[in-house]
C-alpha atoms as a PDB file:
ATOM      1  CA  MET A   1      54.967  15.302  26.754  1.00  0.00           C
ATOM      2  CA  LYS A   2      56.656  18.436  28.058  1.00  0.00           C
ATOM      3  CA  LEU A   3      54.806  21.621  27.148  1.00  0.00           C
ATOM      4  CA  SER A   4      56.486  24.991  26.656  1.00  0.00           C
ATOM      5  CA  PRO A   5      56.106  27.557  29.461  1.00  0.00           C
ATOM      6  CA  TYR A   6      53.810  29.566  27.171  1.00  0.00           C
ATOM      7  CA  ARG A   7      51.404  26.676  26.688  1.00  0.00           C
ATOM      8  CA  LEU A   8      51.528  25.786  30.378  1.00  0.00           C
ATOM      9  CA  LEU A   9      50.195  29.289  31.106  1.00  0.00           C
ATOM     10  CA  ILE A  10      47.165  28.600  28.923  1.00  0.00           C
ATOM     11  CA  LYS A  11      46.711  25.177  30.536  1.00  0.00           C
ATOM     12  CA  LYS A  12      46.782  26.679  34.037  1.00  0.00           C
ATOM     13  CA  ALA A  13      44.314  29.430  33.102  1.00  0.00           C
ATOM     14  CA  ALA A  14      41.991  26.915  31.437  1.00  0.00           C
ATOM     15  CA  LYS A  15      42.010  24.601  34.471  1.00  0.00           C
ATOM     16  CA  ALA A  16      41.184  27.509  36.783  1.00  0.00           C
ATOM     17  CA  ARG A  17      38.082  28.201  34.682  1.00  0.00           C
ATOM     18  CA  GLY A  18      36.879  24.630  34.284  1.00  0.00           C
ATOM     19  CA  VAL A  19      38.021  24.429  30.668  1.00  0.00           C
ATOM     20  CA  LYS A  20      39.441  21.135  29.421  1.00  0.00           C
ATOM     21  CA  PHE A  21      42.934  21.350  27.919  1.00  0.00           C
ATOM     22  CA  SER A  22      44.307  18.570  25.688  1.00  0.00           C
ATOM     23  CA  ASN A  23      46.913  18.122  22.965  1.00  0.00           C
ATOM     24  CA  PHE A  24      45.847  18.188  19.349  1.00  0.00           C
ATOM     25  CA  ASP A  25      49.060  16.623  18.017  1.00  0.00           C
ATOM     26  CA  PRO A  26      51.778  14.330  19.398  1.00  0.00           C
ATOM     27  CA  PHE A  27      54.354  17.176  19.254  1.00  0.00           C
ATOM     28  CA  GLY A  28      52.614  19.568  21.639  1.00  0.00           C
ATOM     29  CA  LYS A  29      52.402  22.317  19.008  1.00  0.00           C
ATOM     30  CA  PHE A  30      48.635  22.858  19.169  1.00  0.00           C
ATOM     31  CA  GLN A  31      46.061  22.253  21.883  1.00  0.00           C
ATOM     32  CA  TYR A  32      42.318  21.867  22.224  1.00  0.00           C
ATOM     33  CA  LEU A  33      40.279  23.921  24.686  1.00  0.00           C
ATOM     34  CA  GLN A  34      36.817  22.599  25.462  1.00  0.00           C
ATOM     35  CA  LYS A  35      33.953  23.725  27.651  1.00  0.00           C
ATOM     36  CA  GLY A  36      30.581  22.109  27.169  1.00  0.00           C
ATOM     37  CA  LYS A  37      29.935  21.683  23.467  1.00  0.00           C
ATOM     38  CA  LYS A  38      32.394  24.372  22.404  1.00  0.00           C
ATOM     39  CA  LYS A  39      35.810  23.047  21.364  1.00  0.00           C
ATOM     40  CA  ILE A  40      38.489  25.191  19.740  1.00  0.00           C
ATOM     41  CA  LEU A  41      42.116  24.935  18.694  1.00  0.00           C
ATOM     42  CA  ILE A  42      44.803  27.244  20.108  1.00  0.00           C
ATOM     43  CA  ASP A  43      48.463  27.869  19.277  1.00  0.00           C
ATOM     44  CA  SER A  44      49.992  29.174  22.519  1.00  0.00           C
ATOM     45  CA  SER A  45      48.510  32.693  22.811  1.00  0.00           C
ATOM     46  CA  ARG A  46      47.063  32.674  19.280  1.00  0.00           C
ATOM     47  CA  PRO A  47      43.437  31.436  19.245  1.00  0.00           C
ATOM     48  CA  MET A  48      41.400  30.212  16.275  1.00  0.00           C
ATOM     49  CA  GLU A  49      39.718  33.612  16.232  1.00  0.00           C
ATOM     50  CA  THR A  50      42.903  34.959  14.598  1.00  0.00           C
ATOM     51  CA  SER A  51      42.386  34.502  10.871  1.00  0.00           C
ATOM     52  CA  HIS A  52      45.148  33.179   8.651  1.00  0.00           C
ATOM     53  CA  LEU A  53      45.104  36.453   6.716  1.00  0.00           C
ATOM     54  CA  ALA A  54      45.521  38.537   9.888  1.00  0.00           C
ATOM     55  CA  TYR A  55      48.426  36.292  10.935  1.00  0.00           C
ATOM     56  CA  ARG A  56      50.096  36.622   7.514  1.00  0.00           C
ATOM     57  CA  ILE A  57      49.807  40.417   7.552  1.00  0.00           C
ATOM     58  CA  SER A  58      51.240  40.862  11.065  1.00  0.00           C
ATOM     59  CA  ASP A  59      54.000  38.386  10.259  1.00  0.00           C
ATOM     60  CA  LYS A  60      55.283  40.689   7.500  1.00  0.00           C
ATOM     61  CA  LYS A  61      56.894  43.650   9.218  1.00  0.00           C
ATOM     62  CA  GLU A  62      56.897  45.904   6.165  1.00  0.00           C
ATOM     63  CA  LEU A  63      53.195  45.217   5.464  1.00  0.00           C
ATOM     64  CA  THR A  64      52.218  45.951   9.060  1.00  0.00           C
ATOM     65  CA  ASN A  65      54.181  49.210   8.876  1.00  0.00           C
ATOM     66  CA  PHE A  66      52.373  50.176   5.646  1.00  0.00           C
ATOM     67  CA  ILE A  67      48.892  49.445   7.014  1.00  0.00           C
ATOM     68  CA  LEU A  68      49.425  51.260  10.307  1.00  0.00           C
ATOM     69  CA  ARG A  69      50.814  54.291   8.482  1.00  0.00           C
ATOM     70  CA  ARG A  70      47.663  54.410   6.344  1.00  0.00           C
ATOM     71  CA  HIS A  71      45.615  54.518   9.556  1.00  0.00           C
ATOM     72  CA  LYS A  72      47.682  57.464  10.832  1.00  0.00           C
ATOM     73  CA  ILE A  73      49.451  55.445  13.516  1.00  0.00           C
ATOM     74  CA  SER A  74      53.030  56.539  14.149  1.00  0.00           C
ATOM     75  CA  VAL A  75      55.607  54.118  12.710  1.00  0.00           C
ATOM     76  CA  PRO A  76      59.270  54.591  11.742  1.00  0.00           C
ATOM     77  CA  ASP A  77      60.335  55.164   8.135  1.00  0.00           C
ATOM     78  CA  GLN A  78      61.106  51.721   6.754  1.00  0.00           C
ATOM     79  CA  ILE A  79      61.972  49.837   3.575  1.00  0.00           C
ATOM     80  CA  LYS A  80      62.161  46.192   2.597  1.00  0.00           C
ATOM     81  CA  CYS A  81      65.245  45.278   0.629  1.00  0.00           C
ATOM     82  CA  LYS A  82      67.104  42.319  -0.812  1.00  0.00           C
ATOM     83  CA  GLU A  83      69.965  44.340  -2.208  1.00  0.00           C
ATOM     84  CA  TYR A  84      72.621  45.786   0.078  1.00  0.00           C
ATOM     85  CA  LYS A  85      72.866  49.011  -1.953  1.00  0.00           C
ATOM     86  CA  GLU A  86      69.265  49.872  -1.023  1.00  0.00           C
ATOM     87  CA  ALA A  87      70.224  49.721   2.644  1.00  0.00           C
ATOM     88  CA  VAL A  88      73.241  51.975   1.987  1.00  0.00           C
ATOM     89  CA  SER A  89      71.001  54.647   0.459  1.00  0.00           C
ATOM     90  CA  PHE A  90      68.646  54.408   3.446  1.00  0.00           C
ATOM     91  CA  LEU A  91      71.535  54.837   5.912  1.00  0.00           C
ATOM     92  CA  LYS A  92      72.804  57.919   4.075  1.00  0.00           C
ATOM     93  CA  LYS A  93      69.345  59.454   4.385  1.00  0.00           C
ATOM     94  CA  HIS A  94      68.537  58.602   8.022  1.00  0.00           C
ATOM     95  CA  LYS A  95      72.028  58.456   9.638  1.00  0.00           C
ATOM     96  CA  ASP A  96      70.967  56.099  12.481  1.00  0.00           C
ATOM     97  CA  ILE A  97      69.095  52.929  11.547  1.00  0.00           C
ATOM     98  CA  VAL A  98      67.992  49.411  12.517  1.00  0.00           C
ATOM     99  CA  VAL A  99      68.498  46.313  10.360  1.00  0.00           C
ATOM    100  CA  LYS A 100      66.454  43.155  10.950  1.00  0.00           C
ATOM    101  CA  PRO A 101      65.159  40.068   9.148  1.00  0.00           C
ATOM    102  CA  GLY A 102      61.724  40.573   7.642  1.00  0.00           C
ATOM    103  CA  ASP A 103      60.456  37.248   8.965  1.00  0.00           C
ATOM    104  CA  SER A 104      62.003  36.497  12.354  1.00  0.00           C
ATOM    105  CA  SER A 105      61.142  37.073  16.012  1.00  0.00           C
ATOM    106  CA  LEU A 106      62.683  37.278  19.508  1.00  0.00           C
ATOM    107  CA  GLY A 107      65.219  39.843  18.339  1.00  0.00           C
ATOM    108  CA  LYS A 108      67.146  37.302  16.252  1.00  0.00           C
ATOM    109  CA  GLY A 109      69.383  38.939  13.660  1.00  0.00           C
ATOM    110  CA  VAL A 110      68.472  42.473  14.768  1.00  0.00           C
ATOM    111  CA  THR A 111      71.139  45.187  14.934  1.00  0.00           C
ATOM    112  CA  VAL A 112      70.407  48.708  16.197  1.00  0.00           C
ATOM    113  CA  HIS A 113      72.221  52.050  16.149  1.00  0.00           C
ATOM    114  CA  ILE A 114      73.881  51.494  12.780  1.00  0.00           C
ATOM    115  CA  ARG A 115      75.679  54.667  11.756  1.00  0.00           C
ATOM    116  CA  THR A 116      78.532  53.564   9.495  1.00  0.00           C
ATOM    117  CA  ILE A 117      78.930  51.533   6.299  1.00  0.00           C
ATOM    118  CA  PRO A 118      81.077  48.827   7.984  1.00  0.00           C
ATOM    119  CA  GLN A 119      78.411  48.443  10.701  1.00  0.00           C
ATOM    120  CA  LEU A 120      75.717  48.200   8.035  1.00  0.00           C
ATOM    121  CA  LYS A 121      77.547  45.548   6.044  1.00  0.00           C
ATOM    122  CA  LYS A 122      77.979  43.379   9.125  1.00  0.00           C
ATOM    123  CA  ALA A 123      74.354  43.882  10.232  1.00  0.00           C
ATOM    124  CA  PHE A 124      72.980  43.120   6.756  1.00  0.00           C
ATOM    125  CA  THR A 125      74.902  39.833   6.621  1.00  0.00           C
ATOM    126  CA  GLU A 126      73.716  38.886  10.133  1.00  0.00           C
ATOM    127  CA  ALA A 127      70.066  39.660   9.334  1.00  0.00           C
ATOM    128  CA  LYS A 128      70.172  37.486   6.205  1.00  0.00           C
ATOM    129  CA  LYS A 129      71.328  34.521   8.298  1.00  0.00           C
ATOM    130  CA  HIS A 130      68.047  34.701  10.227  1.00  0.00           C
ATOM    131  CA  SER A 131      65.696  35.316   7.294  1.00  0.00           C
ATOM    132  CA  LYS A 132      64.262  32.329   5.453  1.00  0.00           C
ATOM    133  CA  ALA A 133      63.132  34.545   2.586  1.00  0.00           C
ATOM    134  CA  LYS A 134      66.401  36.541   2.665  1.00  0.00           C
ATOM    135  CA  VAL A 135      64.331  39.707   2.939  1.00  0.00           C
ATOM    136  CA  ILE A 136      65.735  42.457   5.132  1.00  0.00           C
ATOM    137  CA  VAL A 137      63.841  45.309   6.755  1.00  0.00           C
ATOM    138  CA  VAL A 138      65.747  48.550   7.326  1.00  0.00           C
ATOM    139  CA  GLU A 139      64.157  51.267   9.421  1.00  0.00           C
ATOM    140  CA  LYS A 140      64.946  54.568  11.073  1.00  0.00           C
ATOM    141  CA  PHE A 141      66.097  54.160  14.670  1.00  0.00           C
ATOM    142  CA  ILE A 142      63.578  55.568  17.146  1.00  0.00           C
ATOM    143  CA  TYR A 143      64.901  56.904  20.433  1.00  0.00           C
ATOM    144  CA  GLY A 144      63.018  56.014  23.613  1.00  0.00           C
ATOM    145  CA  ASP A 145      62.227  53.181  25.991  1.00  0.00           C
ATOM    146  CA  ASP A 146      61.098  49.792  24.724  1.00  0.00           C
ATOM    147  CA  TYR A 147      57.605  48.583  25.692  1.00  0.00           C
ATOM    148  CA  ARG A 148      55.485  45.557  24.896  1.00  0.00           C
ATOM    149  CA  VAL A 149      51.815  46.538  24.909  1.00  0.00           C
ATOM    150  CA  SER A 150      49.541  43.504  24.638  1.00  0.00           C
ATOM    151  CA  VAL A 151      45.834  43.543  23.788  1.00  0.00           C
ATOM    152  CA  VAL A 152      43.267  40.795  24.392  1.00  0.00           C
ATOM    153  CA  ASP A 153      39.694  40.856  23.060  1.00  0.00           C
ATOM    154  CA  PHE A 154      40.072  44.448  21.812  1.00  0.00           C
ATOM    155  CA  LYS A 155      39.647  45.782  25.368  1.00  0.00           C
ATOM    156  CA  LYS A 156      42.144  44.319  27.835  1.00  0.00           C
ATOM    157  CA  VAL A 157      45.525  46.090  27.580  1.00  0.00           C
ATOM    158  CA  TYR A 158      48.759  45.471  29.491  1.00  0.00           C
ATOM    159  CA  ALA A 159      52.073  47.327  29.244  1.00  0.00           C
ATOM    160  CA  LEU A 160      55.554  46.153  30.135  1.00  0.00           C
ATOM    161  CA  GLN A 161      58.865  47.998  29.816  1.00  0.00           C
ATOM    162  CA  ARG A 162      61.791  45.909  28.578  1.00  0.00           C
ATOM    163  CA  ILE A 163      65.205  47.198  29.604  1.00  0.00           C
ATOM    164  CA  PRO A 164      68.345  45.831  27.875  1.00  0.00           C
ATOM    165  CA  ALA A 165      70.601  43.672  30.062  1.00  0.00           C
ATOM    166  CA  PHE A 166      72.599  45.863  32.441  1.00  0.00           C
ATOM    167  CA  VAL A 167      74.465  46.003  35.735  1.00  0.00           C
ATOM    168  CA  ASP A 168      74.740  48.914  38.156  1.00  0.00           C
ATOM    169  CA  GLY A 169      78.208  49.736  39.454  1.00  0.00           C
ATOM    170  CA  ASP A 170      79.110  49.924  43.148  1.00  0.00           C
ATOM    171  CA  GLY A 171      82.662  51.216  42.794  1.00  0.00           C
ATOM    172  CA  LYS A 172      84.084  47.902  44.048  1.00  0.00           C
ATOM    173  CA  TYR A 173      83.269  45.007  41.762  1.00  0.00           C
ATOM    174  CA  THR A 174      84.159  44.382  38.129  1.00  0.00           C
ATOM    175  CA  VAL A 175      81.493  44.116  35.442  1.00  0.00           C
ATOM    176  CA  GLU A 176      82.059  40.347  35.361  1.00  0.00           C
ATOM    177  CA  LYS A 177      81.469  40.043  39.121  1.00  0.00           C
ATOM    178  CA  LEU A 178      78.373  42.252  38.928  1.00  0.00           C
ATOM    179  CA  ILE A 179      76.983  39.974  36.201  1.00  0.00           C
ATOM    180  CA  ASP A 180      77.554  36.946  38.450  1.00  0.00           C
ATOM    181  CA  ILE A 181      75.784  38.660  41.346  1.00  0.00           C
ATOM    182  CA  LYS A 182      72.800  39.595  39.197  1.00  0.00           C
ATOM    183  CA  ASN A 183      72.600  36.126  37.616  1.00  0.00           C
ATOM    184  CA  ALA A 184      72.472  34.592  41.112  1.00  0.00           C
ATOM    185  CA  ILE A 185      69.094  36.307  41.673  1.00  0.00           C
ATOM    186  CA  LYS A 186      66.535  33.791  40.403  1.00  0.00           C
ATOM    187  CA  LEU A 187      63.071  34.897  39.318  1.00  0.00           C
ATOM    188  CA  THR A 188      60.481  33.251  37.090  1.00  0.00           C
ATOM    189  CA  TYR A 189      61.194  34.082  33.444  1.00  0.00           C
ATOM    190  CA  LYS A 190      64.445  35.835  34.321  1.00  0.00           C
ATOM    191  CA  LYS A 191      67.303  34.819  32.039  1.00  0.00           C
ATOM    192  CA  ASP A 192      71.001  34.998  32.838  1.00  0.00           C
ATOM    193  CA  ILE A 193      73.177  37.691  31.306  1.00  0.00           C
ATOM    194  CA  LYS A 194      75.779  36.113  29.043  1.00  0.00           C
ATOM    195  CA  LYS A 195      79.451  37.063  28.967  1.00  0.00           C
ATOM    196  CA  ASP A 196      79.692  36.426  25.260  1.00  0.00           C
ATOM    197  CA  LYS A 197      81.052  38.156  22.180  1.00  0.00           C
ATOM    198  CA  THR A 198      78.071  40.514  21.964  1.00  0.00           C
ATOM    199  CA  THR A 199      78.467  41.554  25.603  1.00  0.00           C
ATOM    200  CA  LYS A 200      82.141  42.344  25.038  1.00  0.00           C
ATOM    201  CA  GLN A 201      81.295  44.374  21.909  1.00  0.00           C
ATOM    202  CA  VAL A 202      78.678  46.436  23.757  1.00  0.00           C
ATOM    203  CA  LEU A 203      81.128  47.054  26.603  1.00  0.00           C
ATOM    204  CA  ARG A 204      83.818  48.101  24.150  1.00  0.00           C
ATOM    205  CA  LYS A 205      81.510  50.805  22.766  1.00  0.00           C
ATOM    206  CA  GLN A 206      81.314  52.195  26.317  1.00  0.00           C
ATOM    207  CA  GLY A 207      85.093  52.040  26.718  1.00  0.00           C
ATOM    208  CA  MET A 208      84.884  49.119  29.105  1.00  0.00           C
ATOM    209  CA  THR A 209      85.684  45.405  29.464  1.00  0.00           C
ATOM    210  CA  LEU A 210      84.490  42.634  31.757  1.00  0.00           C
ATOM    211  CA  ASN A 211      87.358  43.604  34.087  1.00  0.00           C
ATOM    212  CA  SER A 212      86.334  47.255  34.352  1.00  0.00           C
ATOM    213  CA  VAL A 213      85.070  48.544  37.724  1.00  0.00           C
ATOM    214  CA  PRO A 214      82.080  50.875  37.181  1.00  0.00           C
ATOM    215  CA  LYS A 215      81.588  53.819  39.511  1.00  0.00           C
ATOM    216  CA  GLU A 216      78.937  53.640  42.196  1.00  0.00           C
ATOM    217  CA  GLY A 217      75.527  54.169  40.588  1.00  0.00           C
ATOM    218  CA  GLN A 218      76.906  53.901  37.036  1.00  0.00           C
ATOM    219  CA  ARG A 219      74.621  51.816  34.819  1.00  0.00           C
ATOM    220  CA  VAL A 220      76.493  49.670  32.319  1.00  0.00           C
ATOM    221  CA  PHE A 221      74.507  48.133  29.482  1.00  0.00           C
ATOM    222  CA  LEU A 222      75.445  44.681  28.200  1.00  0.00           C
ATOM    223  CA  ARG A 223      73.021  44.511  25.283  1.00  0.00           C
ATOM    224  CA  GLU A 224      71.674  47.136  22.885  1.00  0.00           C
ATOM    225  CA  ILE A 225      68.406  45.283  22.270  1.00  0.00           C
ATOM    226  CA  ALA A 226      65.765  45.186  25.012  1.00  0.00           C
ATOM    227  CA  ASN A 227      65.255  41.431  25.017  1.00  0.00           C
ATOM    228  CA  VAL A 228      64.231  39.637  28.228  1.00  0.00           C
ATOM    229  CA  ALA A 229      65.354  36.327  26.683  1.00  0.00           C
ATOM    230  CA  VAL A 230      69.008  37.455  26.867  1.00  0.00           C
ATOM    231  CA  GLY A 231      69.074  38.921  30.346  1.00  0.00           C
ATOM    232  CA  GLY A 232      66.901  42.008  29.958  1.00  0.00           C
ATOM    233  CA  THR A 233      64.731  43.306  32.795  1.00  0.00           C
ATOM    234  CA  SER A 234      60.933  43.561  32.614  1.00  0.00           C
ATOM    235  CA  VAL A 235      58.926  46.185  34.517  1.00  0.00           C
ATOM    236  CA  ASP A 236      55.115  46.257  34.543  1.00  0.00           C
ATOM    237  CA  ALA A 237      53.779  49.613  33.332  1.00  0.00           C
ATOM    238  CA  THR A 238      50.076  48.819  32.932  1.00  0.00           C
ATOM    239  CA  ASP A 239      48.844  51.208  35.615  1.00  0.00           C
ATOM    240  CA  ILE A 240      50.938  54.171  34.449  1.00  0.00           C
ATOM    241  CA  MET A 241      50.153  53.791  30.724  1.00  0.00           C
ATOM    242  CA  HIS A 242      48.469  56.905  29.310  1.00  0.00           C
ATOM    243  CA  PRO A 243      44.835  56.348  28.212  1.00  0.00           C
ATOM    244  CA  LYS A 244      45.771  57.472  24.687  1.00  0.00           C
ATOM    245  CA  VAL A 245      48.442  54.761  24.479  1.00  0.00           C
ATOM    246  CA  LYS A 246      45.835  52.183  25.508  1.00  0.00           C
ATOM    247  CA  GLU A 247      43.369  53.609  22.984  1.00  0.00           C
ATOM    248  CA  THR A 248      45.940  53.405  20.192  1.00  0.00           C
ATOM    249  CA  ALA A 249      46.831  49.807  21.106  1.00  0.00           C
ATOM    250  CA  ILE A 250      43.176  48.776  20.846  1.00  0.00           C
ATOM    251  CA  LYS A 251      42.910  50.609  17.511  1.00  0.00           C
ATOM    252  CA  ILE A 252      45.949  48.690  16.193  1.00  0.00           C
ATOM    253  CA  ALA A 253      44.426  45.351  17.218  1.00  0.00           C
ATOM    254  CA  LYS A 254      41.168  46.278  15.471  1.00  0.00           C
ATOM    255  CA  VAL A 255      42.890  47.544  12.315  1.00  0.00           C
ATOM    256  CA  LEU A 256      44.893  44.304  12.006  1.00  0.00           C
ATOM    257  CA  LYS A 257      41.923  42.203  13.189  1.00  0.00           C
ATOM    258  CA  LEU A 258      43.974  40.536  15.916  1.00  0.00           C
ATOM    259  CA  PRO A 259      41.972  39.395  18.984  1.00  0.00           C
ATOM    260  CA  VAL A 260      45.334  38.878  20.703  1.00  0.00           C
ATOM    261  CA  ALA A 261      48.137  41.266  19.765  1.00  0.00           C
ATOM    262  CA  GLY A 262      51.598  42.109  21.079  1.00  0.00           C
ATOM    263  CA  ILE A 263      52.668  45.618  20.078  1.00  0.00           C
ATOM    264  CA  ASP A 264      56.296  46.741  20.285  1.00  0.00           C
ATOM    265  CA  LEU A 265      56.283  50.429  21.142  1.00  0.00           C
ATOM    266  CA  MET A 266      59.162  52.884  21.473  1.00  0.00           C
ATOM    267  CA  THR A 267      58.312  55.964  23.535  1.00  0.00           C
ATOM    268  CA  LYS A 268      60.163  58.464  25.703  1.00  0.00           C
ATOM    269  CA  ASP A 269      57.389  58.407  28.306  1.00  0.00           C
ATOM    270  CA  ILE A 270      54.514  55.907  28.396  1.00  0.00           C
ATOM    271  CA  LYS A 271      52.714  58.214  30.826  1.00  0.00           C
ATOM    272  CA  LYS A 272      52.204  60.590  27.892  1.00  0.00           C
ATOM    273  CA  PRO A 273      50.556  60.117  24.468  1.00  0.00           C
ATOM    274  CA  GLY A 274      52.842  59.290  21.559  1.00  0.00           C
ATOM    275  CA  GLY A 275      55.552  56.847  20.622  1.00  0.00           C
ATOM    276  CA  ALA A 276      56.164  54.787  17.484  1.00  0.00           C
ATOM    277  CA  VAL A 277      55.037  51.243  16.753  1.00  0.00           C
ATOM    278  CA  ILE A 278      57.941  49.053  15.674  1.00  0.00           C
ATOM    279  CA  GLU A 279      56.027  45.846  14.950  1.00  0.00           C
ATOM    280  CA  VAL A 280      53.012  43.765  15.955  1.00  0.00           C
ATOM    281  CA  ASN A 281      52.863  40.075  16.885  1.00  0.00           C
ATOM    282  CA  SER A 282      49.831  37.806  16.502  1.00  0.00           C
ATOM    283  CA  ARG A 283      51.183  35.259  18.999  1.00  0.00           C
ATOM    284  CA  PRO A 284      52.787  37.418  21.693  1.00  0.00           C
ATOM    285  CA  HIS A 285      54.827  35.998  24.558  1.00  0.00           C
ATOM    286  CA  ILE A 286      52.322  36.904  27.237  1.00  0.00           C
ATOM    287  CA  ILE A 287      54.432  35.162  29.892  1.00  0.00           C
ATOM    288  CA  MET A 288      56.286  38.456  30.442  1.00  0.00           C
ATOM    289  CA  HIS A 289      53.085  40.037  31.767  1.00  0.00           C
ATOM    290  CA  HIS A 290      52.490  37.127  34.139  1.00  0.00           C
ATOM    291  CA  TYR A 291      55.997  37.274  35.601  1.00  0.00           C
ATOM    292  CA  PRO A 292      57.437  40.812  35.434  1.00  0.00           C
ATOM    293  CA  HIS A 293      60.722  41.194  37.291  1.00  0.00           C
ATOM    294  CA  VAL A 294      59.388  44.399  38.804  1.00  0.00           C
ATOM    295  CA  GLY A 295      55.753  45.322  39.397  1.00  0.00           C
ATOM    296  CA  LYS A 296      52.335  43.704  39.448  1.00  0.00           C
ATOM    297  CA  PRO A 297      51.697  40.387  37.612  1.00  0.00           C
ATOM    298  CA  ARG A 298      48.883  40.412  35.045  1.00  0.00           C
ATOM    299  CA  ASP A 299      46.699  37.613  33.665  1.00  0.00           C
ATOM    300  CA  PRO A 300      46.407  37.794  29.868  1.00  0.00           C
ATOM    301  CA  ALA A 301      46.217  33.979  29.637  1.00  0.00           C
ATOM    302  CA  GLY A 302      43.096  34.053  31.769  1.00  0.00           C
ATOM    303  CA  ASP A 303      41.660  36.875  29.678  1.00  0.00           C
ATOM    304  CA  ILE A 304      42.281  34.842  26.505  1.00  0.00           C
ATOM    305  CA  ILE A 305      40.302  31.912  27.944  1.00  0.00           C
ATOM    306  CA  ASP A 306      37.509  34.276  29.045  1.00  0.00           C
ATOM    307  CA  MET A 307      37.410  35.782  25.534  1.00  0.00           C
ATOM    308  CA  ILE A 308      37.124  32.384  23.847  1.00  0.00           C
ATOM    309  CA  PHE A 309      34.333  31.147  26.124  1.00  0.00           C
ATOM    310  CA  LYS A 310      32.467  34.402  26.802  1.00  0.00           C
ATOM    311  CA  ASP A 311      29.341  33.310  24.912  1.00  0.00           C
END
């Protein structure tokens, strides 16, 4: 049975620590970890220590936003809506917004920088396609850089900047050629940049096409969402993260009772306190921390195993 890369990380970390790793089911969805008499079930990076209630809360973006706000943690203004007219009122108030499914992950169905009614209508329809419950979350757009801050055992914290897919011009090659050159560089957990409809739309907003020749040093973005899964770049930022950012991340994990948490943070400078929490994941894709495209690799998988078998 072929395991996902995420589960293989856990398997490798378990083996290195003398922990037995075996499948719970014939589909490879859940696995057992066993050391001595202790045997627990794990779902990728989500251990049994994560309660069902904690999972349900973090899975609902609007509920997470509400709880964090009550604990005086900075979050964007946000509403949950089923009716399009509610989203229209929100846009008129905030001018620049984000629309996303209330129950999806990996950036599916998410549209950012919505400023007009036609953009909103299109984004609302797209978000509904990716929502099983047909519930849409609309929130104020927060300016800044996109970071994933992951917490393990309420004390280990790692930070990673996610930069939307881009190419840097050299004054000679077209955008299409620059994409080919960048895609030829192979790294672990580095995905190719696509030359699809979305890429062409993002280029059009910058007054460019795949045949345009960017100036030397000109950065051309090919996606608006900072998603490594569609060609984004990951840069480790653990060592430059401000202590207050780390402190807040641990507080969030404790508030939501998540022994493993992936926090999406927008901030203008991670070396300073501040920023806004966009959402929190109870089963974060820790593989990004193990294989950053730039910077030092981290070992959250190992820290998860150590947490489970620390007694």
